């Protein structure tokens, strides 16, 4: 079986800031040479508090979130989208 090369790809990852799987996806992307573009529900009033460059989205406001994502990736398109649905317990 052959794998398609993903090196150099950009993938948008939608996740809760408190999602426990986020680190695993980040580490896997690093190993594969994939650039992750994070879109999380972090506070949009803080200037990149985790220094991860995440796009601040509000999952309850789909239209505003899509506009934020569209603006952020307009000049550097993405190759794929992943969404994590884990929640803290």
C-alpha atoms as a PDB file:
ATOM      1  CA  UNK A   1       0.000   0.000   0.000  1.00  0.00           C
ATOM      2  CA  UNK A   2       1.314   3.460  -0.839  1.00  0.00           C
ATOM      3  CA  UNK A   3       0.577   6.660   1.039  1.00  0.00           C
ATOM      4  CA  UNK A   4      -0.106   9.930  -0.663  1.00  0.00           C
ATOM      5  CA  UNK A   5       2.414  12.552   0.391  1.00  0.00           C
ATOM      6  CA  UNK A   6       1.001  15.102   2.805  1.00  0.00           C
ATOM      7  CA  UNK A   7       4.247  16.965   3.413  1.00  0.00           C
ATOM      8  CA  UNK A   8       3.657  20.686   3.012  1.00  0.00           C
ATOM      9  CA  UNK A   9      -0.118  20.443   3.292  1.00  0.00           C
ATOM     10  CA  UNK A  10      -2.133  22.909   5.388  1.00  0.00           C
ATOM     11  CA  UNK A  11      -5.050  21.518   7.371  1.00  0.00           C
ATOM     12  CA  UNK A  12      -7.628  23.470   9.348  1.00  0.00           C
ATOM     13  CA  UNK A  13      -8.336  21.808  12.696  1.00  0.00           C
ATOM     14  CA  UNK A  14     -11.487  22.913  14.528  1.00  0.00           C
ATOM     15  CA  UNK A  15     -11.318  22.087  18.218  1.00  0.00           C
ATOM     16  CA  UNK A  16     -12.291  23.236  21.664  1.00  0.00           C
ATOM     17  CA  UNK A  17      -9.392  24.919  23.422  1.00  0.00           C
ATOM     18  CA  UNK A  18      -9.830  22.456  26.284  1.00  0.00           C
ATOM     19  CA  UNK A  19      -9.944  19.437  23.974  1.00  0.00           C
ATOM     20  CA  UNK A  20      -7.668  16.704  25.257  1.00  0.00           C
ATOM     21  CA  UNK A  21      -6.864  15.341  21.762  1.00  0.00           C
ATOM     22  CA  UNK A  22      -5.507  18.591  20.359  1.00  0.00           C
ATOM     23  CA  UNK A  23      -1.920  17.862  21.418  1.00  0.00           C
ATOM     24  CA  UNK A  24      -1.989  14.403  19.784  1.00  0.00           C
ATOM     25  CA  UNK A  25      -3.128  15.884  16.474  1.00  0.00           C
ATOM     26  CA  UNK A  26      -0.492  18.617  16.686  1.00  0.00           C
ATOM     27  CA  UNK A  27       2.275  16.076  17.294  1.00  0.00           C
ATOM     28  CA  UNK A  28       1.062  13.835  14.452  1.00  0.00           C
ATOM     29  CA  UNK A  29       0.918  16.779  12.056  1.00  0.00           C
ATOM     30  CA  UNK A  30       4.483  17.727  12.980  1.00  0.00           C
ATOM     31  CA  UNK A  31       5.681  14.177  12.245  1.00  0.00           C
ATOM     32  CA  UNK A  32       3.927  14.217   8.857  1.00  0.00           C
ATOM     33  CA  UNK A  33       5.142  17.680   7.877  1.00  0.00           C
ATOM     34  CA  UNK A  34       1.597  19.048   7.858  1.00  0.00           C
ATOM     35  CA  UNK A  35       0.947  22.619   8.938  1.00  0.00           C
ATOM     36  CA  UNK A  36      -2.055  22.788  11.251  1.00  0.00           C
ATOM     37  CA  UNK A  37      -4.156  25.920  11.196  1.00  0.00           C
ATOM     38  CA  UNK A  38      -6.079  25.878  14.462  1.00  0.00           C
ATOM     39  CA  UNK A  39      -9.557  27.297  14.910  1.00  0.00           C
ATOM     40  CA  UNK A  40     -10.543  27.106  18.569  1.00  0.00           C
ATOM     41  CA  UNK A  41     -13.061  28.607  20.922  1.00  0.00           C
ATOM     42  CA  UNK A  42     -10.373  30.581  22.725  1.00  0.00           C
ATOM     43  CA  UNK A  43     -11.201  34.051  23.974  1.00  0.00           C
ATOM     44  CA  UNK A  44     -11.254  36.391  20.992  1.00  0.00           C
ATOM     45  CA  UNK A  45     -10.354  39.357  23.228  1.00  0.00           C
ATOM     46  CA  UNK A  46      -6.958  37.933  24.145  1.00  0.00           C
ATOM     47  CA  UNK A  47      -4.064  38.271  21.732  1.00  0.00           C
ATOM     48  CA  UNK A  48      -3.037  34.643  21.069  1.00  0.00           C
ATOM     49  CA  UNK A  49      -2.776  33.524  24.728  1.00  0.00           C
ATOM     50  CA  UNK A  50      -1.330  30.065  23.890  1.00  0.00           C
ATOM     51  CA  UNK A  51       0.930  31.379  21.102  1.00  0.00           C
ATOM     52  CA  UNK A  52      -0.468  28.821  18.690  1.00  0.00           C
ATOM     53  CA  UNK A  53      -1.826  31.294  16.134  1.00  0.00           C
ATOM     54  CA  UNK A  54      -5.327  29.861  16.544  1.00  0.00           C
ATOM     55  CA  UNK A  55      -8.229  31.550  14.827  1.00  0.00           C
ATOM     56  CA  UNK A  56     -10.703  32.522  17.547  1.00  0.00           C
ATOM     57  CA  UNK A  57     -14.157  31.168  16.718  1.00  0.00           C
ATOM     58  CA  UNK A  58     -17.421  30.947  18.598  1.00  0.00           C
ATOM     59  CA  UNK A  59     -19.046  27.607  17.813  1.00  0.00           C
ATOM     60  CA  UNK A  60     -22.478  28.961  18.705  1.00  0.00           C
ATOM     61  CA  UNK A  61     -22.156  31.676  16.021  1.00  0.00           C
ATOM     62  CA  UNK A  62     -21.531  29.794  12.796  1.00  0.00           C
ATOM     63  CA  UNK A  63     -21.716  32.780  10.448  1.00  0.00           C
ATOM     64  CA  UNK A  64     -19.201  34.869  12.399  1.00  0.00           C
ATOM     65  CA  UNK A  65     -16.917  31.854  12.797  1.00  0.00           C
ATOM     66  CA  UNK A  66     -16.956  31.117   9.072  1.00  0.00           C
ATOM     67  CA  UNK A  67     -16.139  34.747   8.334  1.00  0.00           C
ATOM     68  CA  UNK A  68     -13.171  34.631  10.748  1.00  0.00           C
ATOM     69  CA  UNK A  69     -11.874  31.444   9.141  1.00  0.00           C
ATOM     70  CA  UNK A  70     -12.401  32.744   5.604  1.00  0.00           C
ATOM     71  CA  UNK A  71     -10.520  35.947   6.403  1.00  0.00           C
ATOM     72  CA  UNK A  72      -7.650  34.042   8.025  1.00  0.00           C
ATOM     73  CA  UNK A  73      -7.103  31.574   5.169  1.00  0.00           C
ATOM     74  CA  UNK A  74      -7.827  33.899   2.266  1.00  0.00           C
ATOM     75  CA  UNK A  75      -4.149  34.513   1.486  1.00  0.00           C
ATOM     76  CA  UNK A  76      -2.903  31.032   2.415  1.00  0.00           C
ATOM     77  CA  UNK A  77      -5.473  28.400   1.382  1.00  0.00           C
ATOM     78  CA  UNK A  78      -5.949  25.142   3.253  1.00  0.00           C
ATOM     79  CA  UNK A  79      -5.898  21.637   1.808  1.00  0.00           C
ATOM     80  CA  UNK A  80      -8.267  19.940   4.236  1.00  0.00           C
ATOM     81  CA  UNK A  81     -10.455  20.334   7.309  1.00  0.00           C
ATOM     82  CA  UNK A  82     -10.685  18.234  10.476  1.00  0.00           C
ATOM     83  CA  UNK A  83     -13.068  18.772  13.379  1.00  0.00           C
ATOM     84  CA  UNK A  84     -12.630  17.331  16.851  1.00  0.00           C
ATOM     85  CA  UNK A  85     -15.680  16.854  19.003  1.00  0.00           C
ATOM     86  CA  UNK A  86     -14.135  15.939  22.336  1.00  0.00           C
ATOM     87  CA  UNK A  87     -15.344  17.761  25.416  1.00  0.00           C
ATOM     88  CA  UNK A  88     -13.797  17.950  28.859  1.00  0.00           C
ATOM     89  CA  UNK A  89     -15.539  15.796  31.443  1.00  0.00           C
END
